[in-house]
Amino acid sequence: MESLTASLASFNDGLWLYLIIPILAALSLYFTVRSGVVQIRMLPDMFRAVVAKPRQEEGRGEPVSSFQAFAISAAARIGTGNIVGVATAIALGGPGAIFWMWVMGTLVGAASFVESTLAQLYKVKDGQDYRGGPAYYMERGLRARWMGLLFAVVIILTFSFVFNSVQANTIAGAIGTSAEAALGQTPGWLAAVVGVALVALVAAIVFGGLHRIANTAQMLVPLMVIIYLVLGIVVVALNIDRVPGVVETIFAHAFGLREIAAAGIGTAISQGVRRGMFSNEAGLGSAPNAAATATVSHPVKQGLVQTLGVYLDTLIVCSITAFIVLVSNPSYGENAGPTMTQRALETSLGGWSLHVLTVVILLVAFTSVLGNYYYGESNVAFLSRRRSVLTGYRVIFLVIAFLGAITSAELVWTLADTTMALMALVNLAAIAPLSPVAFRLMRDFVAQRKQGRDPVFTRDLMPDISGVECWEPEKPHTPPADEPREGRALP
């Protein structure tokens, strides 16, 4: 098993450094230029869109709001990648990895805007709700169902199986660390008990459908972010004298001569981008599955909302983790990553903080499991509409959640890097040729906004775009017989 993990890790290093990172960086730069730096220029519109009320459509049930769709994607984004993943990036790539995480986090916001806008445009009706994502815009926008099928299989493998295992493993590990601190040892049966409890909680939510997942995410995501940010701010405040040195260290290790001479910059860039992408998922093709569920008046609104999600994840939550770790003067090394954040908090705040962080990890990992589940469900529906297939998927998902709690952490993290790279390649190959459609929608949105209107899109505005199922033109209002008509006097 160790030789397999080592071989896979070596393959991942080359795949990311020489293929994924250059492609992602080049496309994100292209999207940034073509969109006029949409990820910065339209920041005010992002905040307006995330708090906007959902559009109520005639004949449909309770709509999923922009914030609920944002919460579903944030539930998957803000997970162990923000706590364990960032620490692992520092352990393997040094403090310079954080700088490259910031750079790519800002740059890939444009890729997030493109993919989520496309997901909204090409979404489909699913009973009272909407469903969509890369598989759908590959089929409808590119007319390449084979590509959609490939992506659907890869995202199910990546999120429902591998990432699911990562989150379950992290939950079990965090509880084990707290148990060891409290009891002096970790009971051998603890991981299995954690696995069973996780399966029971997840099953109670996922069998309730999209709205139960959305409502749970809407409730837990703000709570977990606030708790973690408060912890981080307290740590930074207690070590405020070290913050200038930490910032200097981040930049020094990102560009330092010593790192160049030791070929360390490549490692820093690779680890920063890999862990950043695992965390913010921009360009990966996962967040668009959540973006498509929202009921909004214009596709661009949800593209902007998901771009804001990248900032929340990478520039705020990941940065808090970086400062928590770096102000504690950590020791670096391959085996230090998974526990660095816990040790750093304990150093700054005392033993009690270890247990608070365990609660935070439970929240972020649990909501990530829910987000991972929905991404898989959306793509299972693309593969087959049979109810038995969905039920089978749910059972397998729950089994893997249990197995992840008792599996080697090193192996599941390595597998996550491999499957994430494959998924990114397929999605980037789709959004590159479809991006002009997203930019047309953006220009329409901006034009309506300049006219002082709340932007509304209907497919008759761009009839040359094929494959659009939703976005029907609004039906003209026909007043009933007892309602006054223009030019008609009341009796």
Protein backbone atom coordinates (compact mmCIF):
# COMPACT_ATOMS: atom_id res chain seq x y z
CA MET A 1 0.00 0.00 0.00
CA GLU A 2 2.85 2.41 0.83
CA SER A 3 4.52 1.83 -2.55
CA LEU A 4 1.19 2.48 -4.34
CA THR A 5 0.68 5.72 -2.43
CA ALA A 6 4.24 6.85 -3.17
CA SER A 7 3.92 6.08 -6.89
CA LEU A 8 0.59 7.88 -7.10
CA ALA A 9 2.01 10.90 -5.23
CA SER A 10 4.93 11.09 -7.67
CA PHE A 11 2.51 10.93 -10.62
CA ASN A 12 0.39 13.70 -9.07
CA ASP A 13 3.41 15.98 -8.66
CA GLY A 14 4.19 15.85 -12.38
CA LEU A 15 0.53 16.02 -13.45
CA TRP A 16 -0.16 19.15 -11.43
CA LEU A 17 3.10 21.02 -11.98
CA TYR A 18 3.39 20.47 -15.73
CA LEU A 19 -0.23 20.15 -16.91
CA ILE A 20 -3.05 21.23 -14.57
CA ILE A 21 -1.48 24.39 -13.12
CA PRO A 22 -0.31 25.84 -16.49
CA ILE A 23 -3.70 25.15 -18.14
CA LEU A 24 -5.70 26.53 -15.21
CA ALA A 25 -3.51 29.62 -14.92
CA ALA A 26 -3.56 30.33 -18.68
CA LEU A 27 -7.34 29.93 -19.00
CA SER A 28 -8.05 31.94 -15.84
CA LEU A 29 -5.84 34.75 -17.16
CA TYR A 30 -7.69 34.62 -20.50
CA PHE A 31 -11.08 34.74 -18.74
CA THR A 32 -9.85 37.62 -16.58
CA VAL A 33 -8.80 39.70 -19.60
CA ARG A 34 -11.87 38.87 -21.72
CA SER A 35 -14.24 39.69 -18.87
CA GLY A 36 -12.53 42.95 -17.93
CA VAL A 37 -11.43 41.52 -14.56
CA VAL A 38 -14.97 40.55 -13.62
CA GLN A 39 -13.84 39.02 -10.31
CA ILE A 40 -12.82 42.47 -9.03
CA ARG A 41 -14.77 44.93 -11.16
CA MET A 42 -18.18 43.50 -10.27
CA LEU A 43 -17.57 42.91 -6.56
CA PRO A 44 -20.47 45.19 -5.49
CA ASP A 45 -22.86 43.18 -7.71
CA MET A 46 -21.68 39.99 -5.98
CA PHE A 47 -22.85 41.25 -2.60
CA ARG A 48 -26.17 42.44 -4.05
CA ALA A 49 -26.75 39.08 -5.72
CA VAL A 50 -25.99 36.89 -2.71
CA VAL A 51 -28.67 38.57 -0.54
CA ALA A 52 -31.29 38.94 -3.29
CA LYS A 53 -34.63 37.23 -2.78
CA PRO A 54 -35.29 34.22 -5.02
CA ARG A 55 -37.51 34.70 -8.03
CA GLN A 56 -40.92 33.15 -7.41
CA GLU A 57 -42.10 31.33 -10.53
CA GLU A 58 -45.70 30.54 -11.26
CA GLY A 59 -46.61 26.89 -10.76
CA ARG A 60 -43.38 26.01 -8.94
CA GLY A 61 -42.78 25.28 -5.27
CA GLU A 62 -40.45 26.98 -2.83
CA PRO A 63 -37.48 28.30 -4.84
CA VAL A 64 -33.83 27.77 -3.88
CA SER A 65 -32.36 31.21 -3.18
CA SER A 66 -28.97 32.50 -4.31
CA PHE A 67 -27.77 32.30 -0.72
CA GLN A 68 -28.93 28.70 -0.34
CA ALA A 69 -27.11 27.72 -3.55
CA PHE A 70 -24.11 29.66 -2.24
CA ALA A 71 -24.38 27.76 1.06
CA ILE A 72 -24.48 24.36 -0.68
CA SER A 73 -21.31 25.17 -2.62
CA ALA A 74 -19.70 26.75 0.46
CA ALA A 75 -20.57 23.61 2.42
CA ALA A 76 -18.45 21.60 -0.01
CA ARG A 77 -15.76 24.28 -0.39
CA ILE A 78 -15.23 25.16 3.26
CA GLY A 79 -14.09 21.84 4.59
CA THR A 80 -10.92 20.05 5.56
CA GLY A 81 -9.11 21.76 2.69
CA ASN A 82 -9.29 25.02 4.65
CA ILE A 83 -7.94 23.54 7.88
CA VAL A 84 -5.97 20.39 7.09
CA GLY A 85 -5.25 21.14 3.42
CA VAL A 86 -3.73 24.59 4.02
CA ALA A 87 -1.56 23.21 6.82
CA THR A 88 -0.43 20.39 4.52
CA ALA A 89 0.46 22.93 1.82
CA ILE A 90 2.63 24.80 4.34
CA ALA A 91 4.21 21.57 5.58
CA LEU A 92 5.15 20.40 2.09
CA GLY A 93 5.62 23.67 0.18
CA GLY A 94 6.67 26.04 2.95
CA PRO A 95 5.08 29.42 3.79
CA GLY A 96 5.51 30.53 0.16
CA ALA A 97 2.66 28.18 -0.81
CA ILE A 98 0.24 30.66 0.81
CA PHE A 99 1.26 33.46 -1.56
CA TRP A 100 0.58 31.29 -4.59
CA MET A 101 -2.72 30.22 -3.05
CA TRP A 102 -3.70 33.91 -2.83
CA VAL A 103 -2.62 34.64 -6.40
CA MET A 104 -4.48 31.70 -7.89
CA GLY A 105 -7.48 32.28 -5.63
CA THR A 106 -7.89 35.75 -7.13
CA LEU A 107 -7.14 34.69 -10.69
CA VAL A 108 -9.44 31.65 -10.79
CA GLY A 109 -12.38 33.76 -9.67
CA ALA A 110 -12.91 34.47 -13.39
CA ALA A 111 -13.07 30.73 -14.12
CA SER A 112 -15.62 30.30 -11.33
CA PHE A 113 -17.74 33.08 -12.85
CA VAL A 114 -17.71 31.45 -16.30
CA GLU A 115 -18.56 27.92 -15.17
CA SER A 116 -21.36 28.93 -12.78
CA THR A 117 -22.94 31.35 -15.29
CA LEU A 118 -22.97 28.56 -17.88
CA ALA A 119 -24.51 26.17 -15.33
CA GLN A 120 -27.38 28.60 -14.77
CA LEU A 121 -27.96 29.12 -18.48
CA TYR A 122 -28.07 25.42 -19.35
CA LYS A 123 -29.89 24.17 -16.24
CA VAL A 124 -32.89 21.85 -16.63
CA LYS A 125 -36.15 21.39 -14.76
CA ASP A 126 -36.25 18.63 -12.17
CA GLY A 127 -39.79 18.49 -10.84
CA GLN A 128 -40.23 21.59 -8.68
CA ASP A 129 -36.50 22.35 -8.68
CA TYR A 130 -33.63 22.92 -11.10
CA ARG A 131 -30.58 20.79 -11.77
CA GLY A 132 -27.45 21.46 -13.81
CA GLY A 133 -23.67 21.66 -13.92
CA PRO A 134 -20.81 20.84 -16.28
CA ALA A 135 -22.32 17.58 -17.55
CA TYR A 136 -25.40 19.54 -18.62
CA TYR A 137 -23.58 22.39 -20.36
CA MET A 138 -21.33 19.86 -22.08
CA GLU A 139 -24.38 18.08 -23.46
CA ARG A 140 -26.47 21.16 -24.27
CA GLY A 141 -23.84 23.79 -25.01
CA LEU A 142 -21.21 21.68 -26.76
CA ARG A 143 -23.57 18.97 -28.03
CA ALA A 144 -21.14 16.44 -26.55
CA ARG A 145 -23.10 14.05 -24.36
CA TRP A 146 -20.13 11.68 -24.28
CA MET A 147 -18.15 14.43 -22.55
CA GLY A 148 -20.96 15.01 -20.08
CA LEU A 149 -21.07 11.29 -19.30
CA LEU A 150 -17.31 11.25 -18.73
CA PHE A 151 -17.51 14.25 -16.41
CA ALA A 152 -20.46 12.82 -14.50
CA VAL A 153 -18.55 9.62 -13.82
CA VAL A 154 -15.40 11.49 -12.76
CA ILE A 155 -17.19 13.91 -10.41
CA ILE A 156 -19.11 11.06 -8.77
CA LEU A 157 -15.82 9.24 -8.25
CA THR A 158 -14.09 12.40 -7.01
CA PHE A 159 -16.66 13.92 -4.67
CA SER A 160 -18.98 11.11 -3.69
CA PHE A 161 -16.24 8.54 -3.18
CA VAL A 162 -12.77 10.07 -2.71
CA PHE A 163 -13.59 13.49 -1.18
CA ASN A 164 -16.29 11.84 0.89
CA SER A 165 -13.62 9.54 2.31
CA VAL A 166 -11.33 12.52 2.99
CA GLN A 167 -14.00 14.34 5.01
CA ALA A 168 -15.06 11.23 6.94
CA ASN A 169 -11.42 10.42 7.68
CA THR A 170 -10.81 13.95 8.96
CA ILE A 171 -13.85 13.79 11.25
CA ALA A 172 -12.62 10.52 12.77
CA GLY A 173 -9.08 11.90 13.09
CA ALA A 174 -10.18 15.12 14.80
CA ILE A 175 -12.33 13.24 17.32
CA GLY A 176 -9.46 10.82 17.89
CA THR A 177 -7.08 13.70 18.63
CA SER A 178 -9.51 15.19 21.15
CA ALA A 179 -10.03 11.78 22.75
CA GLU A 180 -6.29 11.26 23.08
CA ALA A 181 -5.89 14.69 24.68
CA ALA A 182 -8.70 14.01 27.15
CA LEU A 183 -8.13 10.30 27.88
CA GLY A 184 -4.45 9.85 27.14
CA GLN A 185 -5.19 7.39 24.35
CA THR A 186 -7.49 6.87 21.36
CA PRO A 187 -9.83 3.87 21.80
CA GLY A 188 -9.49 1.39 18.95
CA TRP A 189 -13.24 1.27 18.40
CA LEU A 190 -13.69 5.04 18.16
CA ALA A 191 -13.28 5.38 14.38
CA ALA A 192 -15.93 2.76 13.70
CA VAL A 193 -18.39 4.42 16.08
CA VAL A 194 -17.74 7.80 14.43
CA GLY A 195 -18.36 6.20 11.03
CA VAL A 196 -21.71 4.75 12.12
CA ALA A 197 -22.85 8.07 13.67
CA LEU A 198 -21.82 9.97 10.52
CA VAL A 199 -23.78 7.59 8.31
CA ALA A 200 -26.90 7.99 10.46
CA LEU A 201 -26.78 11.80 10.41
CA VAL A 202 -26.06 12.06 6.69
CA ALA A 203 -28.80 9.57 5.80
CA ALA A 204 -31.37 11.58 7.77
CA ILE A 205 -30.61 14.64 5.62
CA VAL A 206 -29.87 13.33 2.13
CA PHE A 207 -32.99 11.19 1.99
CA GLY A 208 -34.94 14.43 2.56
CA GLY A 209 -33.97 15.87 -0.83
CA LEU A 210 -32.46 19.12 -2.09
CA HIS A 211 -34.37 21.51 0.17
CA ARG A 212 -33.33 19.68 3.35
CA ILE A 213 -29.70 19.81 2.21
CA ALA A 214 -30.03 23.51 1.32
CA ASN A 215 -31.69 24.40 4.62
CA THR A 216 -29.07 22.50 6.62
CA ALA A 217 -26.23 24.16 4.73
CA GLN A 218 -27.85 27.59 5.13
CA MET A 219 -27.95 27.07 8.90
CA LEU A 220 -24.53 25.47 9.50
CA VAL A 221 -22.23 27.28 7.04
CA PRO A 222 -22.47 30.77 8.63
CA LEU A 223 -22.12 29.22 12.10
CA MET A 224 -18.96 27.27 11.32
CA VAL A 225 -17.34 30.20 9.48
CA ILE A 226 -18.02 32.60 12.35
CA ILE A 227 -16.66 30.22 15.01
CA TYR A 228 -13.49 29.54 13.04
CA LEU A 229 -12.89 33.20 12.14
CA VAL A 230 -13.32 34.24 15.79
CA LEU A 231 -10.76 31.60 16.84
CA GLY A 232 -8.35 32.79 14.17
CA ILE A 233 -8.77 36.48 14.99
CA VAL A 234 -8.10 35.77 18.68
CA VAL A 235 -4.91 33.86 17.79
CA VAL A 236 -3.71 36.66 15.50
CA ALA A 237 -4.52 39.30 18.14
CA LEU A 238 -2.55 37.41 20.79
CA ASN A 239 0.41 37.16 18.43
CA ILE A 240 0.05 40.53 16.68
CA ASP A 241 3.76 41.26 17.09
CA ARG A 242 4.58 38.24 14.91
CA VAL A 243 2.21 39.10 12.04
CA PRO A 244 4.64 41.38 10.13
CA GLY A 245 7.24 38.64 10.31
CA VAL A 246 4.73 36.07 9.03
CA VAL A 247 3.84 38.25 6.02
CA GLU A 248 7.53 38.77 5.29
CA THR A 249 8.14 35.02 5.54
CA ILE A 250 5.31 34.23 3.10
CA PHE A 251 6.72 36.58 0.45
CA ALA A 252 10.33 35.63 1.13
CA HIS A 253 9.62 31.93 0.66
CA ALA A 254 7.54 32.62 -2.45
CA PHE A 255 10.38 34.45 -4.22
CA GLY A 256 13.49 33.83 -2.11
CA LEU A 257 16.84 32.98 -3.71
CA ARG A 258 17.24 30.02 -1.39
CA GLU A 259 13.97 28.53 -2.62
CA ILE A 260 14.95 29.12 -6.26
CA ALA A 261 18.32 27.45 -5.71
CA ALA A 262 16.71 24.47 -4.01
CA ALA A 263 13.94 24.20 -6.65
CA GLY A 264 11.56 24.92 -3.79
CA ILE A 265 9.46 27.43 -5.71
CA GLY A 266 7.99 24.68 -7.88
CA THR A 267 6.92 22.80 -4.75
CA ALA A 268 5.47 25.94 -3.18
CA ILE A 269 3.47 26.78 -6.32
CA SER A 270 2.30 23.19 -6.77
CA GLN A 271 1.19 22.76 -3.16
CA GLY A 272 -0.40 26.23 -2.97
CA VAL A 273 -2.45 25.73 -6.12
CA ARG A 274 -3.37 22.10 -5.41
CA ARG A 275 -4.59 22.72 -1.87
CA GLY A 276 -6.17 26.00 -2.91
CA MET A 277 -8.09 24.28 -5.69
CA PHE A 278 -9.12 21.45 -3.36
CA SER A 279 -10.49 24.15 -1.08
CA ASN A 280 -12.10 26.74 -3.41
CA GLU A 281 -12.89 24.33 -6.30
CA ALA A 282 -12.75 27.12 -8.93
CA GLY A 283 -12.43 25.66 -12.41
CA LEU A 284 -12.99 22.21 -11.02
CA GLY A 285 -16.61 21.97 -12.15
CA SER A 286 -18.14 21.17 -8.75
CA ALA A 287 -19.65 24.50 -7.61
CA PRO A 288 -21.68 24.86 -10.87
CA ASN A 289 -23.79 21.90 -9.74
CA ALA A 290 -24.94 24.00 -6.77
CA ALA A 291 -25.12 27.21 -8.80
CA ALA A 292 -27.66 25.67 -11.17
CA THR A 293 -30.18 25.05 -8.36
CA ALA A 294 -30.82 28.75 -7.65
CA THR A 295 -33.91 30.52 -8.98
CA VAL A 296 -32.58 33.86 -10.20
CA SER A 297 -33.63 36.39 -12.83
CA HIS A 298 -30.33 36.33 -14.75
CA PRO A 299 -27.62 33.62 -15.09
CA VAL A 300 -24.85 36.12 -14.33
CA LYS A 301 -26.18 36.66 -10.80
CA GLN A 302 -25.24 33.16 -9.70
CA GLY A 303 -21.93 33.38 -11.55
CA LEU A 304 -21.11 36.40 -9.40
CA VAL A 305 -22.32 34.70 -6.22
CA GLN A 306 -20.05 31.70 -6.76
CA THR A 307 -17.09 33.99 -7.47
CA LEU A 308 -17.70 35.57 -4.08
CA GLY A 309 -17.58 32.06 -2.63
CA VAL A 310 -14.01 31.64 -3.93
CA TYR A 311 -12.97 34.79 -2.07
CA LEU A 312 -14.65 33.72 1.16
CA ASP A 313 -12.92 30.37 0.97
CA THR A 314 -9.40 31.25 -0.14
CA LEU A 315 -8.75 34.85 0.84
CA ILE A 316 -10.53 34.71 4.21
CA VAL A 317 -10.90 31.20 5.66
CA CYS A 318 -7.69 29.73 4.20
CA SER A 319 -5.74 32.85 5.19
CA ILE A 320 -6.94 32.55 8.78
CA THR A 321 -5.59 28.98 8.87
CA ALA A 322 -2.27 30.13 7.42
CA PHE A 323 -1.83 32.81 10.09
CA ILE A 324 -2.89 30.45 12.90
CA VAL A 325 -0.19 28.01 11.80
CA LEU A 326 2.60 30.45 10.94
CA VAL A 327 2.45 32.61 14.10
CA SER A 328 3.18 29.44 16.09
CA ASN A 329 6.62 28.94 14.46
CA PRO A 330 5.77 25.44 13.19
CA SER A 331 8.16 22.69 12.18
CA TYR A 332 7.73 21.64 8.58
CA GLY A 333 7.67 18.18 7.08
CA GLU A 334 5.51 15.68 5.23
CA ASN A 335 3.99 14.18 8.38
CA ALA A 336 3.31 17.50 10.09
CA GLY A 337 0.46 18.71 7.86
CA PRO A 338 -2.69 17.04 9.21
CA THR A 339 -2.08 18.10 12.85
CA MET A 340 -0.34 21.48 12.36
CA THR A 341 -3.48 23.59 12.80
CA GLN A 342 -4.49 21.76 15.96
CA ARG A 343 -1.02 22.10 17.46
CA ALA A 344 -0.83 25.77 16.50
CA LEU A 345 -4.15 26.57 18.18
CA GLU A 346 -3.14 24.65 21.28
CA THR A 347 0.14 26.59 21.44
CA SER A 348 -1.62 29.96 21.27
CA LEU A 349 -4.83 29.34 23.23
CA GLY A 350 -4.27 26.28 25.37
CA GLY A 351 -5.63 22.74 25.44
CA TRP A 352 -9.30 23.75 25.39
CA SER A 353 -8.92 25.17 21.87
CA LEU A 354 -8.10 21.70 20.58
CA HIS A 355 -11.63 20.57 21.41
CA VAL A 356 -13.20 23.73 19.95
CA LEU A 357 -11.33 23.07 16.71
CA THR A 358 -12.63 19.51 16.77
CA VAL A 359 -16.18 20.92 16.80
CA VAL A 360 -15.30 23.25 13.89
CA ILE A 361 -13.81 20.35 11.92
CA LEU A 362 -16.94 18.31 12.61
CA LEU A 363 -19.11 21.12 11.21
CA VAL A 364 -17.01 21.86 8.13
CA ALA A 365 -16.42 18.22 7.28
CA PHE A 366 -20.06 17.25 7.85
CA THR A 367 -21.38 20.05 5.64
CA SER A 368 -18.76 19.11 3.05
CA VAL A 369 -20.11 15.57 3.04
CA LEU A 370 -23.58 16.98 2.30
CA GLY A 371 -22.25 19.17 -0.51
CA ASN A 372 -20.28 16.23 -1.93
CA TYR A 373 -23.42 14.11 -1.84
CA TYR A 374 -25.46 16.64 -3.80
CA TYR A 375 -22.79 17.02 -6.47
CA GLY A 376 -22.92 13.28 -6.97
CA GLU A 377 -26.72 13.14 -6.95
CA SER A 378 -26.97 15.83 -9.63
CA ASN A 379 -24.69 13.83 -11.91
CA VAL A 380 -26.31 10.48 -11.13
CA ALA A 381 -29.52 12.09 -12.42
CA PHE A 382 -27.66 13.01 -15.61
CA LEU A 383 -26.65 9.37 -16.08
CA SER A 384 -30.03 7.86 -15.23
CA ARG A 385 -33.44 9.04 -14.02
CA ARG A 386 -34.37 5.67 -12.54
CA ARG A 387 -35.28 5.89 -8.86
CA SER A 388 -33.50 2.63 -8.09
CA VAL A 389 -30.21 4.06 -9.41
CA LEU A 390 -30.49 7.07 -7.07
CA THR A 391 -31.26 4.79 -4.13
CA GLY A 392 -28.27 2.63 -4.98
CA TYR A 393 -26.06 5.73 -5.15
CA ARG A 394 -27.23 6.85 -1.71
CA VAL A 395 -26.44 3.47 -0.17
CA ILE A 396 -22.95 3.34 -1.74
CA PHE A 397 -22.28 6.94 -0.63
CA LEU A 398 -23.12 6.06 2.98
CA VAL A 399 -20.99 2.90 2.90
CA ILE A 400 -18.00 4.89 1.62
CA ALA A 401 -18.52 7.51 4.35
CA PHE A 402 -18.15 4.71 6.90
CA LEU A 403 -15.10 3.21 5.20
CA GLY A 404 -13.47 6.64 4.93
CA ALA A 405 -13.61 7.02 8.71
CA ILE A 406 -11.43 3.92 9.18
CA THR A 407 -9.09 4.29 6.15
CA SER A 408 -5.53 5.63 5.87
CA ALA A 409 -5.50 9.43 5.57
CA GLU A 410 -2.42 9.50 3.34
CA LEU A 411 -4.00 7.28 0.71
CA VAL A 412 -7.30 9.19 0.45
CA TRP A 413 -5.53 12.56 0.17
CA THR A 414 -3.34 11.20 -2.63
CA LEU A 415 -6.34 9.79 -4.48
CA ALA A 416 -8.09 13.16 -4.08
CA ASP A 417 -5.26 14.90 -5.93
CA THR A 418 -5.45 12.42 -8.82
CA THR A 419 -9.20 12.42 -9.38
CA MET A 420 -9.42 16.20 -8.89
CA ALA A 421 -6.87 16.69 -11.68
CA LEU A 422 -8.83 14.49 -14.09
CA MET A 423 -12.06 16.30 -13.27
CA ALA A 424 -10.47 19.71 -13.79
CA LEU A 425 -9.10 18.71 -17.20
CA VAL A 426 -12.52 17.69 -18.50
CA ASN A 427 -14.26 20.80 -17.15
CA LEU A 428 -11.63 23.25 -18.41
CA ALA A 429 -11.83 21.66 -21.86
CA ALA A 430 -15.56 22.51 -21.87
CA ILE A 431 -15.65 26.03 -20.44
CA ALA A 432 -12.88 27.29 -22.74
CA PRO A 433 -14.99 27.10 -25.96
CA LEU A 434 -18.22 28.04 -24.12
CA SER A 435 -16.79 31.11 -22.36
CA PRO A 436 -17.88 33.58 -25.10
CA VAL A 437 -21.49 32.75 -24.18
CA ALA A 438 -20.81 33.67 -20.54
CA PHE A 439 -19.24 36.96 -21.63
CA ARG A 440 -22.29 37.80 -23.80
CA LEU A 441 -24.51 37.22 -20.79
CA MET A 442 -22.21 39.42 -18.69
CA ARG A 443 -22.46 42.29 -21.19
CA ASP A 444 -26.26 41.97 -21.21
CA PHE A 445 -26.30 42.04 -17.40
CA VAL A 446 -24.10 45.15 -17.28
CA ALA A 447 -26.17 46.92 -19.94
CA GLN A 448 -29.39 46.35 -17.99
CA ARG A 449 -27.74 47.44 -14.76
CA LYS A 450 -26.60 50.71 -16.40
CA GLN A 451 -30.24 51.34 -17.35
CA GLY A 452 -31.13 51.18 -13.67
CA ARG A 453 -32.95 47.84 -14.02
CA ASP A 454 -32.77 44.62 -12.07
CA PRO A 455 -31.34 42.43 -14.88
CA VAL A 456 -33.72 39.81 -16.28
CA PHE A 457 -32.76 37.27 -18.93
CA THR A 458 -35.04 35.27 -21.22
CA ARG A 459 -33.83 32.99 -23.98
CA ASP A 460 -35.49 35.05 -26.73
CA LEU A 461 -32.90 37.77 -26.03
CA MET A 462 -30.25 35.46 -27.52
CA PRO A 463 -32.19 33.07 -29.78
CA ASP A 464 -29.02 31.90 -31.55
CA ILE A 465 -27.87 30.07 -28.39
CA SER A 466 -29.21 26.53 -28.67
CA GLY A 467 -29.71 23.94 -25.95
CA VAL A 468 -31.36 26.32 -23.44
CA GLU A 469 -34.34 24.59 -21.80
CA CYS A 470 -35.34 27.14 -19.14
CA TRP A 471 -35.46 30.95 -19.23
CA GLU A 472 -38.80 31.07 -21.06
CA PRO A 473 -40.03 34.52 -22.12
CA GLU A 474 -42.45 35.97 -19.62
CA LYS A 475 -46.05 35.37 -20.59
CA PRO A 476 -48.06 38.55 -21.28
CA HIS A 477 -50.53 39.28 -18.55
CA THR A 478 -54.13 38.71 -19.61
CA PRO A 479 -56.45 40.40 -17.12
CA PRO A 480 -59.62 38.55 -16.10
CA ALA A 481 -63.02 39.79 -17.25
CA ASP A 482 -63.63 41.77 -14.05
CA GLU A 483 -60.24 43.56 -14.22
CA PRO A 484 -60.25 46.92 -16.01
CA ARG A 485 -58.50 46.95 -19.40
CA GLU A 486 -56.84 49.88 -21.03
CA GLY A 487 -59.42 52.03 -22.80
CA ARG A 488 -62.32 50.23 -21.13
CA ALA A 489 -64.48 52.05 -18.61
CA LEU A 490 -65.63 50.38 -15.46
CA PRO A 491 -69.33 49.42 -15.52
